[in-house]
Amino acid sequence: MYSSTEEQRLAFRKSSYSNPQNCVEYADAGNGAAAMRDSQNPEQGYLLLNGHEWNALLGVIR
């Protein structure tokens, strides 16, 4: 998990797949990568996925 200074440059937005009990936010991290975090606990940092991992995740949830 990543946090602090690097997180400040990321613009997180709530996923359209989220609901009030299971909230996920994501941000474009550049070069096809994405950052994901729990919107109810953003202080716990975020998970950084490279482009391949991000596309694989999107393929599963779509």
PDB file of N, CA and C in Angstrom:
ATOM      1  N   MET A   1       0.846  -1.178   0.000  1.00  0.00           N
ATOM      2  CA  MET A   1       0.000   0.000   0.000  1.00  0.00           C
ATOM      3  C   MET A   1       0.892   1.243   0.000  1.00  0.00           C
ATOM      4  N   TYR A   2       0.408   2.264  -0.665  1.00  0.00           N
ATOM      5  CA  TYR A   2       1.111   3.535  -0.757  1.00  0.00           C
ATOM      6  C   TYR A   2       0.269   4.591  -0.046  1.00  0.00           C
ATOM      7  N   SER A   3       0.907   5.651   0.389  1.00  0.00           N
ATOM      8  CA  SER A   3       0.164   6.739   1.023  1.00  0.00           C
ATOM      9  C   SER A   3       0.991   8.016   1.024  1.00  0.00           C
ATOM     10  N   SER A   4       0.512   9.016   1.713  1.00  0.00           N
ATOM     11  CA  SER A   4       1.161  10.314   1.955  1.00  0.00           C
ATOM     12  C   SER A   4       1.370  11.171   0.715  1.00  0.00           C
ATOM     13  N   THR A   5       2.594  11.637   0.495  1.00  0.00           N
ATOM     14  CA  THR A   5       2.885  12.649  -0.514  1.00  0.00           C
ATOM     15  C   THR A   5       2.456  12.231  -1.915  1.00  0.00           C
ATOM     16  N   GLU A   6       2.738  11.020  -2.321  1.00  0.00           N
ATOM     17  CA  GLU A   6       2.368  10.568  -3.661  1.00  0.00           C
ATOM     18  C   GLU A   6       0.851  10.572  -3.842  1.00  0.00           C
ATOM     19  N   GLU A   7       0.121  10.252  -2.804  1.00  0.00           N
ATOM     20  CA  GLU A   7      -1.339  10.214  -2.880  1.00  0.00           C
ATOM     21  C   GLU A   7      -1.925  11.589  -3.176  1.00  0.00           C
ATOM     22  N   GLN A   8      -1.262  12.657  -2.756  1.00  0.00           N
ATOM     23  CA  GLN A   8      -1.782  14.003  -2.953  1.00  0.00           C
ATOM     24  C   GLN A   8      -1.886  14.376  -4.428  1.00  0.00           C
ATOM     25  N   ARG A   9      -1.092  13.772  -5.304  1.00  0.00           N
ATOM     26  CA  ARG A   9      -1.146  14.096  -6.727  1.00  0.00           C
ATOM     27  C   ARG A   9      -2.208  13.283  -7.468  1.00  0.00           C
ATOM     28  N   LEU A  10      -2.795  12.289  -6.840  1.00  0.00           N
ATOM     29  CA  LEU A  10      -3.808  11.454  -7.473  1.00  0.00           C
ATOM     30  C   LEU A  10      -5.202  12.033  -7.249  1.00  0.00           C
ATOM     31  N   ALA A  11      -6.018  12.029  -8.286  1.00  0.00           N
ATOM     32  CA  ALA A  11      -7.395  12.529  -8.186  1.00  0.00           C
ATOM     33  C   ALA A  11      -8.329  11.320  -8.108  1.00  0.00           C
ATOM     34  N   PHE A  12      -8.650  10.902  -6.896  1.00  0.00           N
ATOM     35  CA  PHE A  12      -9.504   9.734  -6.706  1.00  0.00           C
ATOM     36  C   PHE A  12     -10.963  10.070  -6.987  1.00  0.00           C
ATOM     37  N   ARG A  13     -11.679   9.107  -7.577  1.00  0.00           N
ATOM     38  CA  ARG A  13     -13.118   9.240  -7.789  1.00  0.00           C
ATOM     39  C   ARG A  13     -13.767   7.895  -7.475  1.00  0.00           C
ATOM     40  N   LYS A  14     -15.017   7.964  -7.078  1.00  0.00           N
ATOM     41  CA  LYS A  14     -15.724   6.759  -6.665  1.00  0.00           C
ATOM     42  C   LYS A  14     -16.114   5.930  -7.882  1.00  0.00           C
ATOM     43  N   SER A  15     -15.922   4.647  -7.776  1.00  0.00           N
ATOM     44  CA  SER A  15     -16.292   3.727  -8.837  1.00  0.00           C
ATOM     45  C   SER A  15     -17.806   3.647  -8.984  1.00  0.00           C
ATOM     46  N   SER A  16     -18.280   3.520 -10.202  1.00  0.00           N
ATOM     47  CA  SER A  16     -19.722   3.365 -10.437  1.00  0.00           C
ATOM     48  C   SER A  16     -20.210   2.003  -9.945  1.00  0.00           C
ATOM     49  N   TYR A  17     -19.286   1.085  -9.662  1.00  0.00           N
ATOM     50  CA  TYR A  17     -19.643  -0.230  -9.142  1.00  0.00           C
ATOM     51  C   TYR A  17     -19.768  -0.237  -7.621  1.00  0.00           C
ATOM     52  N   SER A  18     -19.482   0.876  -6.974  1.00  0.00           N
ATOM     53  CA  SER A  18     -19.539   0.949  -5.514  1.00  0.00           C
ATOM     54  C   SER A  18     -20.967   1.102  -5.023  1.00  0.00           C
ATOM     55  N   ASN A  19     -21.170   0.701  -3.782  1.00  0.00           N
ATOM     56  CA  ASN A  19     -22.434   0.952  -3.093  1.00  0.00           C
ATOM     57  C   ASN A  19     -22.075   1.453  -1.690  1.00  0.00           C
ATOM     58  N   PRO A  20     -23.046   1.901  -0.914  1.00  0.00           N
ATOM     59  CA  PRO A  20     -22.714   2.497   0.404  1.00  0.00           C
ATOM     60  C   PRO A  20     -21.906   1.595   1.345  1.00  0.00           C
ATOM     61  N   GLN A  21     -22.054   0.275   1.240  1.00  0.00           N
ATOM     62  CA  GLN A  21     -21.323  -0.624   2.129  1.00  0.00           C
ATOM     63  C   GLN A  21     -19.944  -1.007   1.586  1.00  0.00           C
ATOM     64  N   ASN A  22     -19.766  -0.987   0.280  1.00  0.00           N
ATOM     65  CA  ASN A  22     -18.518  -1.421  -0.353  1.00  0.00           C
ATOM     66  C   ASN A  22     -18.025  -0.347  -1.306  1.00  0.00           C
ATOM     67  N   CYS A  23     -17.420   0.683  -0.756  1.00  0.00           N
ATOM     68  CA  CYS A  23     -17.003   1.829  -1.568  1.00  0.00           C
ATOM     69  C   CYS A  23     -15.547   1.700  -1.995  1.00  0.00           C
ATOM     70  N   VAL A  24     -15.333   1.828  -3.291  1.00  0.00           N
ATOM     71  CA  VAL A  24     -13.994   1.788  -3.853  1.00  0.00           C
ATOM     72  C   VAL A  24     -13.784   3.054  -4.663  1.00  0.00           C
ATOM     73  N   GLU A  25     -12.612   3.660  -4.506  1.00  0.00           N
ATOM     74  CA  GLU A  25     -12.246   4.817  -5.297  1.00  0.00           C
ATOM     75  C   GLU A  25     -11.031   4.445  -6.143  1.00  0.00           C
ATOM     76  N   TYR A  26     -10.917   5.086  -7.291  1.00  0.00           N
ATOM     77  CA  TYR A  26      -9.772   4.827  -8.159  1.00  0.00           C
ATOM     78  C   TYR A  26      -9.256   6.134  -8.733  1.00  0.00           C
ATOM     79  N   ALA A  27      -7.997   6.095  -9.172  1.00  0.00           N
ATOM     80  CA  ALA A  27      -7.365   7.277  -9.766  1.00  0.00           C
ATOM     81  C   ALA A  27      -6.426   6.829 -10.873  1.00  0.00           C
ATOM     82  N   ASP A  28      -6.337   7.629 -11.918  1.00  0.00           N
ATOM     83  CA  ASP A  28      -5.386   7.389 -12.994  1.00  0.00           C
ATOM     84  C   ASP A  28      -3.997   7.689 -12.447  1.00  0.00           C
ATOM     85  N   ALA A  29      -3.105   6.712 -12.516  1.00  0.00           N
ATOM     86  CA  ALA A  29      -1.750   6.883 -11.993  1.00  0.00           C
ATOM     87  C   ALA A  29      -0.724   7.062 -13.118  1.00  0.00           C
ATOM     88  N   GLY A  30      -1.196   7.225 -14.346  1.00  0.00           N
ATOM     89  CA  GLY A  30      -0.302   7.440 -15.482  1.00  0.00           C
ATOM     90  C   GLY A  30       0.212   6.148 -16.081  1.00  0.00           C
ATOM     91  N   ASN A  31       0.552   6.202 -17.363  1.00  0.00           N
ATOM     92  CA  ASN A  31       1.096   5.046 -18.088  1.00  0.00           C
ATOM     93  C   ASN A  31       0.195   3.817 -18.020  1.00  0.00           C
ATOM     94  N   GLY A  32      -1.122   4.016 -17.969  1.00  0.00           N
ATOM     95  CA  GLY A  32      -2.066   2.904 -17.926  1.00  0.00           C
ATOM     96  C   GLY A  32      -2.296   2.330 -16.548  1.00  0.00           C
ATOM     97  N   ALA A  33      -1.543   2.792 -15.552  1.00  0.00           N
ATOM     98  CA  ALA A  33      -1.682   2.283 -14.184  1.00  0.00           C
ATOM     99  C   ALA A  33      -2.844   2.970 -13.471  1.00  0.00           C
ATOM    100  N   ALA A  34      -3.297   2.365 -12.397  1.00  0.00           N
ATOM    101  CA  ALA A  34      -4.387   2.926 -11.603  1.00  0.00           C
ATOM    102  C   ALA A  34      -4.124   2.673 -10.124  1.00  0.00           C
ATOM    103  N   ALA A  35      -4.631   3.569  -9.304  1.00  0.00           N
ATOM    104  CA  ALA A  35      -4.555   3.416  -7.851  1.00  0.00           C
ATOM    105  C   ALA A  35      -5.965   3.171  -7.335  1.00  0.00           C
ATOM    106  N   MET A  36      -6.110   2.269  -6.380  1.00  0.00           N
ATOM    107  CA  MET A  36      -7.411   1.958  -5.783  1.00  0.00           C
ATOM    108  C   MET A  36      -7.310   2.083  -4.267  1.00  0.00           C
ATOM    109  N   ARG A  37      -8.417   2.544  -3.658  1.00  0.00           N
ATOM    110  CA  ARG A  37      -8.448   2.631  -2.198  1.00  0.00           C
ATOM    111  C   ARG A  37      -9.877   2.463  -1.703  1.00  0.00           C
ATOM    112  N   ASP A  38     -10.000   2.197  -0.439  1.00  0.00           N
ATOM    113  CA  ASP A  38     -11.285   2.099   0.246  1.00  0.00           C
ATOM    114  C   ASP A  38     -11.721   3.518   0.589  1.00  0.00           C
ATOM    115  N   SER A  39     -12.843   3.967   0.046  1.00  0.00           N
ATOM    116  CA  SER A  39     -13.267   5.350   0.281  1.00  0.00           C
ATOM    117  C   SER A  39     -13.667   5.599   1.732  1.00  0.00           C
ATOM    118  N   GLN A  40     -13.995   4.555   2.465  1.00  0.00           N
ATOM    119  CA  GLN A  40     -14.361   4.731   3.864  1.00  0.00           C
ATOM    120  C   GLN A  40     -13.134   4.806   4.767  1.00  0.00           C
ATOM    121  N   ASN A  41     -11.969   4.404   4.252  1.00  0.00           N
ATOM    122  CA  ASN A  41     -10.722   4.422   5.022  1.00  0.00           C
ATOM    123  C   ASN A  41      -9.560   4.895   4.159  1.00  0.00           C
ATOM    124  N   PRO A  42      -9.640   6.086   3.557  1.00  0.00           N
ATOM    125  CA  PRO A  42      -8.584   6.537   2.650  1.00  0.00           C
ATOM    126  C   PRO A  42      -7.233   6.735   3.331  1.00  0.00           C
ATOM    127  N   GLU A  43      -7.235   6.929   4.630  1.00  0.00           N
ATOM    128  CA  GLU A  43      -5.983   7.138   5.352  1.00  0.00           C
ATOM    129  C   GLU A  43      -5.136   5.871   5.401  1.00  0.00           C
ATOM    130  N   GLN A  44      -5.705   4.741   5.038  1.00  0.00           N
ATOM    131  CA  GLN A  44      -4.967   3.477   5.042  1.00  0.00           C
ATOM    132  C   GLN A  44      -4.156   3.273   3.767  1.00  0.00           C
ATOM    133  N   GLY A  45      -4.170   4.266   2.871  1.00  0.00           N
ATOM    134  CA  GLY A  45      -3.361   4.189   1.667  1.00  0.00           C
ATOM    135  C   GLY A  45      -4.121   3.613   0.483  1.00  0.00           C
ATOM    136  N   TYR A  46      -3.384   3.258  -0.547  1.00  0.00           N
ATOM    137  CA  TYR A  46      -3.997   2.757  -1.763  1.00  0.00           C
ATOM    138  C   TYR A  46      -3.143   1.656  -2.371  1.00  0.00           C
ATOM    139  N   LEU A  47      -3.747   0.894  -3.259  1.00  0.00           N
ATOM    140  CA  LEU A  47      -3.086  -0.184  -3.971  1.00  0.00           C
ATOM    141  C   LEU A  47      -2.800   0.298  -5.387  1.00  0.00           C
ATOM    142  N   LEU A  48      -1.569   0.190  -5.830  1.00  0.00           N
ATOM    143  CA  LEU A  48      -1.187   0.627  -7.168  1.00  0.00           C
ATOM    144  C   LEU A  48      -1.146  -0.581  -8.096  1.00  0.00           C
ATOM    145  N   LEU A  49      -1.918  -0.507  -9.188  1.00  0.00           N
ATOM    146  CA  LEU A  49      -1.967  -1.588 -10.177  1.00  0.00           C
ATOM    147  C   LEU A  49      -1.318  -1.109 -11.468  1.00  0.00           C
ATOM    148  N   ASN A  50      -0.435  -1.919 -12.042  1.00  0.00           N
ATOM    149  CA  ASN A  50       0.145  -1.532 -13.322  1.00  0.00           C
ATOM    150  C   ASN A  50      -0.931  -1.688 -14.404  1.00  0.00           C
ATOM    151  N   GLY A  51      -0.638  -1.261 -15.615  1.00  0.00           N
ATOM    152  CA  GLY A  51      -1.636  -1.288 -16.678  1.00  0.00           C
ATOM    153  C   GLY A  51      -2.201  -2.663 -16.958  1.00  0.00           C
ATOM    154  N   HIS A  52      -1.347  -3.685 -16.950  1.00  0.00           N
ATOM    155  CA  HIS A  52      -1.798  -5.055 -17.195  1.00  0.00           C
ATOM    156  C   HIS A  52      -2.762  -5.513 -16.091  1.00  0.00           C
ATOM    157  N   GLU A  53      -2.396  -5.260 -14.843  1.00  0.00           N
ATOM    158  CA  GLU A  53      -3.244  -5.657 -13.708  1.00  0.00           C
ATOM    159  C   GLU A  53      -4.581  -4.917 -13.738  1.00  0.00           C
ATOM    160  N   TRP A  54      -4.546  -3.617 -14.026  1.00  0.00           N
ATOM    161  CA  TRP A  54      -5.757  -2.800 -14.062  1.00  0.00           C
ATOM    162  C   TRP A  54      -6.705  -3.307 -15.154  1.00  0.00           C
ATOM    163  N   ASN A  55      -6.174  -3.571 -16.349  1.00  0.00           N
ATOM    164  CA  ASN A  55      -7.009  -4.072 -17.441  1.00  0.00           C
ATOM    165  C   ASN A  55      -7.580  -5.450 -17.140  1.00  0.00           C
ATOM    166  N   ALA A  56      -6.800  -6.295 -16.478  1.00  0.00           N
ATOM    167  CA  ALA A  56      -7.297  -7.619 -16.090  1.00  0.00           C
ATOM    168  C   ALA A  56      -8.441  -7.486 -15.089  1.00  0.00           C
ATOM    169  N   LEU A  57      -8.309  -6.603 -14.118  1.00  0.00           N
ATOM    170  CA  LEU A  57      -9.370  -6.382 -13.141  1.00  0.00           C
ATOM    171  C   LEU A  57     -10.632  -5.863 -13.832  1.00  0.00           C
ATOM    172  N   LEU A  58     -10.490  -4.885 -14.708  1.00  0.00           N
ATOM    173  CA  LEU A  58     -11.643  -4.352 -15.420  1.00  0.00           C
ATOM    174  C   LEU A  58     -12.327  -5.428 -16.265  1.00  0.00           C
ATOM    175  N   GLY A  59     -11.537  -6.307 -16.858  1.00  0.00           N
ATOM    176  CA  GLY A  59     -12.100  -7.397 -17.654  1.00  0.00           C
ATOM    177  C   GLY A  59     -12.945  -8.347 -16.835  1.00  0.00           C
ATOM    178  N   VAL A  60     -12.581  -8.543 -15.582  1.00  0.00           N
ATOM    179  CA  VAL A  60     -13.331  -9.440 -14.694  1.00  0.00           C
ATOM    180  C   VAL A  60     -14.604  -8.798 -14.185  1.00  0.00           C
ATOM    181  N   ILE A  61     -14.559  -7.510 -13.854  1.00  0.00           N
ATOM    182  CA  ILE A  61     -15.729  -6.872 -13.229  1.00  0.00           C
ATOM    183  C   ILE A  61     -16.725  -6.316 -14.224  1.00  0.00           C
ATOM    184  N   ARG A  62     -16.361  -6.205 -15.476  1.00  0.00           N
ATOM    185  CA  ARG A  62     -17.303  -5.659 -16.466  1.00  0.00           C
ATOM    186  C   ARG A  62     -18.241  -6.699 -16.972  1.00  0.00           C
TER     187      ARG A  62
END
